[in-house]
Amino acid sequence: MFSFSSYTLVIVSLLGFLTDFHVSGCDKNCVNNTEFTPSTLVVKHGDPASAHCTLCPSCPSNIFNLEKSIGKNVLNGTTITWTVDSLREWGTTLLCFYANATNHQCCTELDVIVYKPPDLVSIGFKNHSGPLFESRHYTLECEVQNVAPISNVTVTFFRDLTELGQTQSSSAPQSEPGTEVFTLDIHATPKDDGAQYWCQAKLELGPHGPKTPPMATSKKVTATVHYKPQQLEPSHPDVIWITKGDSLQLNCSAVGNPSPSYTWTVLPAGVPPSNRSVLTIQSVASGHGGEYSCSASNDMGTSTVMFSVAVKDYIIEYIIGAAVVFFIIVLIAAAVYFYKKNRKGKYNLKKVFCFRSGHVAVPTEG
């Protein structure tokens, strides 16, 4: 005869068999099967969670249960409610099953996504520190640390408010948190000098996830770009005309990093050398006409601008000269007029030009 302890052992073993027998032969493709609500459970790590499993109307209910790794079940007719106060298990599984009269097992597995926003998102340049250099290629790195599920992460790179591009995770699906470095190649240009780079990590959790996807943003890193000088004003293909005596200013100002130095290399005779960005001549003389050349230079290169200056005389001088000539002509014409009008003979021109009112020209003797 079996002892009481042996009988108890058999009963416990049988119950264990009845509880676990579905694991090895569960059919997830039965025509009639159980149904979970929601069909996918998305829950933040540490938050409470719940789900319902409903038995189909035509399914037998003699063996109907829910296999779980954590939490508790409450059976109410043909519905099992599963709840957990704080979901902290990464590999949570829920399997709702039933068995028909021939012990054929049918089951439905609930897709449980436990998510966790990243602990830290940081940005920097791969294998580089210090200033960037114009026309060179660099790689931005955005590291997303301790996030789950890592395979659902999408990273967006920004320069100031401009979106540069997006990169999706290349990690294999896993339930536990992970860390991944996302990259984006850039080409350094002068407009990047002083720009702020940053990145944003977003968890794409699908239609069953929160309405606003969890996001985390890195701090901003300011880029310094070294580039050769760029002239603020281009070379002047046309001749610059200036009137003698006026002030002349030729602008060679340029932007560059490091700040450029200036050298005026081609100057007309009499114009002293200058290392300023703007060459100023207070009063232009005739000898200041000619070619001017200025170079703006830094460690990255040199930019040159050319000027051609022509000096014209002050027009008032011509006006005064013309007026003098005109006055002389008028005097001569007046003398001739008086000579012809009064009499022929010899006249004292001095007395003619010094005539008074009522004066009559008197011929000289002989």
Protein backbone atom coordinates (compact mmCIF):
# COMPACT_ATOMS: atom_id res chain seq x y z
CA MET A 1 0.00 0.00 0.00
CA PHE A 2 1.04 3.53 -0.68
CA SER A 3 1.91 5.56 2.31
CA PHE A 4 0.30 8.97 2.81
CA SER A 5 3.54 10.69 1.89
CA SER A 6 3.89 8.67 -1.30
CA TYR A 7 0.31 9.50 -2.24
CA THR A 8 0.94 13.15 -1.65
CA LEU A 9 4.05 13.04 -3.79
CA VAL A 10 2.13 11.46 -6.68
CA ILE A 11 -0.61 14.10 -6.44
CA VAL A 12 1.91 16.96 -6.41
CA SER A 13 3.79 15.47 -9.37
CA LEU A 14 0.53 15.06 -11.29
CA LEU A 15 -0.51 18.63 -10.59
CA GLY A 16 2.90 19.83 -11.73
CA PHE A 17 2.49 17.83 -14.91
CA LEU A 18 -0.95 19.25 -15.56
CA THR A 19 0.38 22.76 -15.01
CA ASP A 20 3.43 22.50 -17.26
CA PHE A 21 2.38 19.99 -19.91
CA HIS A 22 1.37 22.74 -22.35
CA VAL A 23 4.88 24.17 -22.61
CA SER A 24 6.25 21.48 -24.91
CA GLY A 25 3.24 21.07 -27.20
CA CYS A 26 1.51 24.46 -27.29
CA ASP A 27 -0.12 25.29 -30.65
CA LYS A 28 -0.20 29.04 -31.36
CA ASN A 29 -1.94 28.57 -34.74
CA CYS A 30 -5.21 27.02 -33.69
CA VAL A 31 -8.29 28.17 -35.60
CA ASN A 32 -10.02 28.87 -32.29
CA ASN A 33 -7.71 30.33 -29.70
CA THR A 34 -7.51 32.55 -26.68
CA GLU A 35 -7.21 36.31 -27.09
CA PHE A 36 -5.24 38.91 -25.12
CA THR A 37 -6.38 42.45 -24.44
CA PRO A 38 -4.33 44.46 -25.25
CA SER A 39 -2.72 42.43 -28.02
CA THR A 40 0.63 44.06 -27.21
CA LEU A 41 1.50 45.32 -23.73
CA VAL A 42 3.88 48.29 -23.57
CA VAL A 43 4.81 49.34 -20.05
CA LYS A 44 7.54 51.47 -18.50
CA HIS A 45 9.96 49.59 -16.28
CA GLY A 46 8.72 49.77 -12.69
CA ASP A 47 5.14 50.79 -13.55
CA PRO A 48 2.06 48.63 -12.78
CA ALA A 49 0.65 46.52 -15.60
CA SER A 50 -2.38 44.38 -16.40
CA ALA A 51 -3.80 42.28 -19.23
CA HIS A 52 -6.86 40.10 -19.89
CA CYS A 53 -7.04 36.71 -21.59
CA THR A 54 -10.43 35.61 -22.95
CA LEU A 55 -11.38 32.09 -23.96
CA CYS A 56 -13.11 31.76 -27.31
CA PRO A 57 -16.82 30.80 -27.11
CA SER A 58 -16.29 27.40 -28.80
CA CYS A 59 -13.21 26.52 -26.74
CA PRO A 60 -13.57 23.99 -23.88
CA SER A 61 -12.96 25.47 -20.46
CA ASN A 62 -12.01 22.39 -18.46
CA ILE A 63 -8.31 23.25 -18.80
CA PHE A 64 -7.92 27.02 -19.19
CA ASN A 65 -5.13 28.94 -17.52
CA LEU A 66 -2.42 31.58 -17.80
CA GLU A 67 1.25 30.82 -17.47
CA LYS A 68 3.23 33.77 -16.12
CA SER A 69 6.69 34.59 -14.83
CA ILE A 70 5.48 37.18 -12.32
CA GLY A 71 2.22 38.74 -11.08
CA LYS A 72 -1.07 37.09 -10.19
CA ASN A 73 -4.12 35.72 -12.03
CA VAL A 74 -7.81 36.11 -11.30
CA LEU A 75 -10.23 33.84 -13.16
CA ASN A 76 -13.71 35.16 -13.83
CA GLY A 77 -15.71 32.81 -16.07
CA THR A 78 -13.95 32.70 -19.44
CA THR A 79 -11.64 35.66 -18.68
CA ILE A 80 -8.36 35.66 -16.77
CA THR A 81 -7.05 38.97 -15.49
CA TRP A 82 -3.31 39.28 -14.90
CA THR A 83 -1.89 42.11 -12.80
CA VAL A 84 1.48 43.14 -11.41
CA ASP A 85 2.06 46.05 -9.06
CA SER A 86 5.50 46.98 -10.40
CA LEU A 87 6.87 45.39 -13.56
CA ARG A 88 10.64 45.12 -13.09
CA GLU A 89 11.35 41.92 -14.99
CA TRP A 90 12.86 42.45 -18.45
CA GLY A 91 12.00 39.06 -19.95
CA THR A 92 8.36 38.95 -18.88
CA THR A 93 6.29 36.22 -20.59
CA LEU A 94 2.54 35.58 -20.54
CA LEU A 95 1.06 32.46 -22.13
CA CYS A 96 -2.72 31.91 -22.13
CA PHE A 97 -3.76 28.33 -23.01
CA TYR A 98 -6.50 25.75 -23.05
CA ALA A 99 -6.70 22.04 -23.94
CA ASN A 100 -9.50 20.24 -25.80
CA ALA A 101 -10.92 16.80 -25.13
CA THR A 102 -7.96 15.11 -26.82
CA ASN A 103 -5.52 17.20 -24.79
CA HIS A 104 -4.46 19.18 -27.85
CA GLN A 105 -3.06 22.44 -26.49
CA CYS A 106 -3.84 25.83 -28.01
CA CYS A 107 -2.21 29.01 -26.68
CA THR A 108 -1.62 32.70 -27.26
CA GLU A 109 1.51 34.56 -26.15
CA LEU A 110 1.27 38.20 -25.13
CA ASP A 111 3.96 40.43 -26.60
CA VAL A 112 5.26 42.38 -23.58
CA ILE A 113 7.56 45.36 -24.19
CA VAL A 114 9.17 46.76 -21.07
CA TYR A 115 10.82 50.06 -21.92
CA LYS A 116 13.24 52.34 -20.15
CA PRO A 117 14.40 55.81 -21.29
CA PRO A 118 18.18 56.21 -21.56
CA ASP A 119 20.25 57.20 -18.54
CA LEU A 120 22.39 59.52 -20.66
CA VAL A 121 22.66 60.80 -24.24
CA SER A 122 25.97 62.42 -25.20
CA ILE A 123 27.52 63.78 -28.41
CA GLY A 124 31.07 64.33 -29.65
CA PHE A 125 33.43 63.88 -32.60
CA LYS A 126 34.91 60.44 -33.24
CA ASN A 127 38.67 60.28 -32.63
CA HIS A 128 38.98 64.07 -32.68
CA SER A 129 39.34 66.94 -30.25
CA GLY A 130 40.03 70.64 -30.75
CA PRO A 131 39.07 72.76 -33.77
CA LEU A 132 37.74 71.37 -37.05
CA PHE A 133 39.37 72.29 -40.36
CA GLU A 134 37.61 73.50 -43.49
CA SER A 135 36.84 70.89 -46.19
CA ARG A 136 37.68 67.91 -43.97
CA HIS A 137 35.32 65.07 -43.05
CA TYR A 138 34.38 64.25 -39.47
CA THR A 139 32.09 61.77 -37.74
CA LEU A 140 29.59 62.80 -35.09
CA GLU A 141 28.96 60.21 -32.40
CA CYS A 142 25.79 60.09 -30.29
CA GLU A 143 26.02 57.60 -27.44
CA VAL A 144 22.74 56.38 -25.91
CA GLN A 145 23.35 54.64 -22.59
CA ASN A 146 21.29 52.02 -20.72
CA VAL A 147 18.06 52.15 -22.72
CA ALA A 148 15.48 49.44 -23.39
CA PRO A 149 14.68 48.13 -25.83
CA ILE A 150 17.82 49.40 -27.57
CA SER A 151 16.65 48.06 -30.94
CA ASN A 152 13.71 50.51 -30.89
CA VAL A 153 15.88 53.62 -30.65
CA THR A 154 16.11 56.23 -33.41
CA VAL A 155 18.64 59.08 -33.12
CA THR A 156 18.31 62.47 -34.85
CA PHE A 157 21.34 64.75 -35.29
CA PHE A 158 21.02 68.55 -35.30
CA ARG A 159 23.16 71.58 -36.11
CA ASP A 160 21.53 74.45 -34.22
CA LEU A 161 17.87 74.05 -35.26
CA THR A 162 18.62 72.25 -38.55
CA GLU A 163 18.03 68.51 -38.71
CA LEU A 164 21.05 66.79 -40.27
CA GLY A 165 19.79 63.22 -40.43
CA GLN A 166 18.40 60.19 -38.59
CA THR A 167 20.00 56.87 -37.68
CA GLN A 168 18.19 53.75 -36.48
CA SER A 169 19.60 51.19 -34.09
CA SER A 170 21.52 48.29 -35.55
CA SER A 171 21.38 46.22 -32.35
CA ALA A 172 19.68 42.85 -32.24
CA PRO A 173 16.39 42.74 -30.30
CA GLN A 174 16.93 42.15 -26.60
CA SER A 175 14.80 42.62 -23.52
CA GLU A 176 17.39 44.08 -21.15
CA PRO A 177 18.80 47.63 -21.43
CA GLY A 178 21.73 48.25 -23.73
CA THR A 179 24.06 50.98 -24.96
CA GLU A 180 24.75 51.94 -28.58
CA VAL A 181 26.77 54.60 -30.41
CA PHE A 182 25.06 56.20 -33.42
CA THR A 183 27.13 58.04 -36.04
CA LEU A 184 26.73 60.66 -38.76
CA ASP A 185 29.40 61.93 -41.19
CA ILE A 186 29.71 65.68 -41.78
CA HIS A 187 31.81 67.96 -44.00
CA ALA A 188 33.22 71.01 -42.18
CA THR A 189 32.53 74.40 -43.79
CA PRO A 190 33.00 78.02 -42.61
CA LYS A 191 29.29 78.26 -41.75
CA ASP A 192 29.84 75.53 -39.13
CA ASP A 193 32.13 77.79 -37.11
CA GLY A 194 30.31 78.54 -33.87
CA ALA A 195 27.46 76.11 -34.67
CA GLN A 196 26.07 73.88 -31.92
CA TYR A 197 25.71 70.16 -32.53
CA TRP A 198 23.37 67.94 -30.50
CA CYS A 199 21.37 64.74 -30.82
CA GLN A 200 18.04 63.38 -29.67
CA ALA A 201 17.24 59.73 -28.91
CA LYS A 202 13.64 58.55 -29.32
CA LEU A 203 12.06 55.21 -28.38
CA GLU A 204 9.76 54.07 -31.18
CA LEU A 205 7.25 51.84 -29.34
CA GLY A 206 4.52 51.57 -31.97
CA PRO A 207 0.75 52.17 -31.74
CA HIS A 208 0.45 50.49 -28.34
CA GLY A 209 3.10 52.71 -26.79
CA PRO A 210 2.62 56.14 -25.21
CA LYS A 211 1.20 58.87 -27.46
CA THR A 212 4.38 60.90 -27.01
CA PRO A 213 7.39 58.63 -27.59
CA PRO A 214 9.97 58.78 -24.78
CA MET A 215 12.85 61.07 -25.80
CA ALA A 216 16.16 62.21 -24.34
CA THR A 217 18.48 64.95 -25.60
CA SER A 218 22.23 65.43 -25.36
CA LYS A 219 24.00 68.58 -24.30
CA LYS A 220 25.15 70.88 -27.10
CA VAL A 221 28.75 70.98 -28.28
CA THR A 222 29.99 74.13 -30.02
CA ALA A 223 32.22 73.61 -33.06
CA THR A 224 35.21 75.76 -33.90
CA VAL A 225 36.16 75.63 -37.59
CA HIS A 226 39.44 77.00 -38.96
CA TYR A 227 39.06 78.32 -42.51
CA LYS A 228 40.97 80.61 -44.86
CA PRO A 229 39.98 84.27 -45.21
CA GLN A 230 36.95 85.19 -47.27
CA GLN A 231 36.73 88.74 -48.59
CA LEU A 232 33.70 90.72 -47.49
CA GLU A 233 33.90 92.67 -50.77
CA PRO A 234 35.07 91.10 -54.07
CA SER A 235 37.74 92.54 -56.38
CA HIS A 236 36.68 95.57 -58.43
CA PRO A 237 36.89 94.75 -62.15
CA ASP A 238 36.02 98.36 -63.05
CA VAL A 239 38.26 101.36 -62.54
CA ILE A 240 37.54 103.41 -59.42
CA TRP A 241 37.46 107.08 -60.45
CA ILE A 242 38.21 109.68 -57.80
CA THR A 243 38.70 113.42 -57.96
CA LYS A 244 42.03 114.89 -56.94
CA GLY A 245 41.84 116.23 -53.39
CA ASP A 246 39.07 113.85 -52.26
CA SER A 247 39.50 111.07 -49.67
CA LEU A 248 40.04 107.48 -50.88
CA GLN A 249 39.22 104.31 -48.92
CA LEU A 250 39.95 100.80 -50.21
CA ASN A 251 38.39 97.98 -48.13
CA CYS A 252 40.25 94.67 -47.91
CA SER A 253 38.32 93.36 -44.87
CA ALA A 254 37.88 89.57 -44.70
CA VAL A 255 36.50 86.96 -42.32
CA GLY A 256 38.51 83.91 -41.34
CA ASN A 257 39.51 81.73 -38.43
CA PRO A 258 42.11 82.46 -37.09
CA SER A 259 41.60 86.18 -37.70
CA PRO A 260 43.51 87.21 -40.86
CA SER A 261 46.42 89.64 -41.16
CA TYR A 262 46.60 92.13 -44.06
CA THR A 263 49.36 93.12 -46.48
CA TRP A 264 49.10 95.71 -49.25
CA THR A 265 51.65 94.35 -51.71
CA VAL A 266 51.10 96.45 -54.86
CA LEU A 267 50.90 100.23 -54.42
CA PRO A 268 51.57 103.27 -56.63
CA ALA A 269 54.74 105.25 -55.94
CA GLY A 270 54.39 107.51 -52.95
CA VAL A 271 51.78 105.39 -51.13
CA PRO A 272 53.31 103.98 -47.92
CA PRO A 273 52.87 100.25 -47.09
CA SER A 274 50.00 99.29 -44.81
CA ASN A 275 48.94 96.29 -42.74
CA ARG A 276 45.42 97.50 -42.08
CA SER A 277 42.26 96.06 -43.58
CA VAL A 278 41.21 99.48 -44.94
CA LEU A 279 43.70 101.68 -46.81
CA THR A 280 42.88 105.39 -46.47
CA ILE A 281 44.34 108.37 -48.38
CA GLN A 282 42.99 111.62 -46.95
CA SER A 283 43.72 113.83 -50.00
CA VAL A 284 44.26 112.12 -53.33
CA ALA A 285 46.98 113.45 -55.63
CA SER A 286 47.61 112.69 -59.28
CA GLY A 287 50.32 110.16 -58.36
CA HIS A 288 47.89 108.04 -56.34
CA GLY A 289 46.33 106.56 -59.45
CA GLY A 290 47.31 102.99 -60.32
CA GLU A 291 46.97 99.38 -59.17
CA TYR A 292 46.43 98.33 -55.55
CA SER A 293 46.63 94.72 -54.27
CA CYS A 294 45.78 93.49 -50.75
CA SER A 295 46.20 89.99 -49.28
CA ALA A 296 44.36 88.65 -46.23
CA SER A 297 46.18 85.64 -44.73
CA ASN A 298 45.99 83.13 -41.89
CA ASP A 299 47.25 79.58 -41.26
CA MET A 300 44.60 78.16 -43.58
CA GLY A 301 45.44 80.23 -46.68
CA THR A 302 45.42 83.60 -48.43
CA SER A 303 42.79 85.62 -50.25
CA THR A 304 43.71 88.57 -52.51
CA VAL A 305 41.65 91.52 -53.71
CA MET A 306 42.63 93.99 -56.49
CA PHE A 307 41.74 97.66 -57.04
CA SER A 308 42.42 99.95 -60.00
CA VAL A 309 42.27 103.68 -59.21
CA ALA A 310 42.20 106.61 -61.67
CA VAL A 311 42.51 110.24 -60.47
CA LYS A 312 40.73 113.09 -62.27
CA ASP A 313 41.49 116.82 -61.80
CA TYR A 314 39.26 119.04 -59.75
CA ILE A 315 36.73 120.53 -62.16
CA ILE A 316 36.66 123.96 -60.41
CA GLU A 317 40.20 124.60 -61.66
CA TYR A 318 38.99 124.22 -65.23
CA ILE A 319 36.03 126.50 -64.53
CA ILE A 320 38.29 129.23 -63.11
CA GLY A 321 40.72 128.96 -66.03
CA ALA A 322 37.93 129.18 -68.54
CA ALA A 323 36.49 132.24 -66.78
CA VAL A 324 39.84 134.06 -66.90
CA VAL A 325 40.25 133.37 -70.59
CA PHE A 326 36.70 134.51 -71.25
CA PHE A 327 37.27 137.79 -69.34
CA ILE A 328 40.42 138.58 -71.35
CA ILE A 329 38.56 137.98 -74.58
CA VAL A 330 35.80 140.32 -73.47
CA LEU A 331 38.32 143.10 -72.69
CA ILE A 332 40.00 142.79 -76.05
CA ALA A 333 36.65 142.82 -77.82
CA ALA A 334 35.67 145.97 -75.93
CA ALA A 335 38.89 147.76 -76.92
CA VAL A 336 38.37 146.91 -80.55
CA TYR A 337 34.79 148.09 -80.36
CA PHE A 338 35.71 151.54 -79.01
CA TYR A 339 38.46 151.91 -81.54
CA LYS A 340 36.20 151.34 -84.53
CA LYS A 341 33.32 153.41 -83.24
CA ASN A 342 35.08 156.79 -82.59
CA ARG A 343 37.86 157.40 -85.08
CA LYS A 344 40.70 155.94 -86.90
CA GLY A 345 44.26 156.77 -85.94
CA LYS A 346 46.58 156.10 -83.16
CA TYR A 347 45.12 155.69 -79.74
CA ASN A 348 46.54 155.40 -76.34
CA LEU A 349 45.17 152.01 -75.21
CA LYS A 350 45.96 152.85 -71.62
CA LYS A 351 43.60 155.81 -71.81
CA VAL A 352 41.03 153.72 -73.58
CA PHE A 353 40.97 151.13 -70.83
CA CYS A 354 40.94 153.83 -68.19
CA PHE A 355 38.04 155.81 -69.71
CA ARG A 356 35.55 157.61 -67.52
CA SER A 357 31.97 158.61 -68.14
CA GLY A 358 31.82 161.06 -71.04
CA HIS A 359 35.49 160.52 -71.98
CA VAL A 360 36.33 160.96 -75.65
CA ALA A 361 39.28 159.24 -77.22
CA VAL A 362 41.89 161.76 -78.48
CA PRO A 363 44.27 160.81 -81.24
CA THR A 364 47.98 161.23 -80.52
CA GLU A 365 50.11 163.61 -82.50
CA GLY A 366 52.19 162.61 -85.46
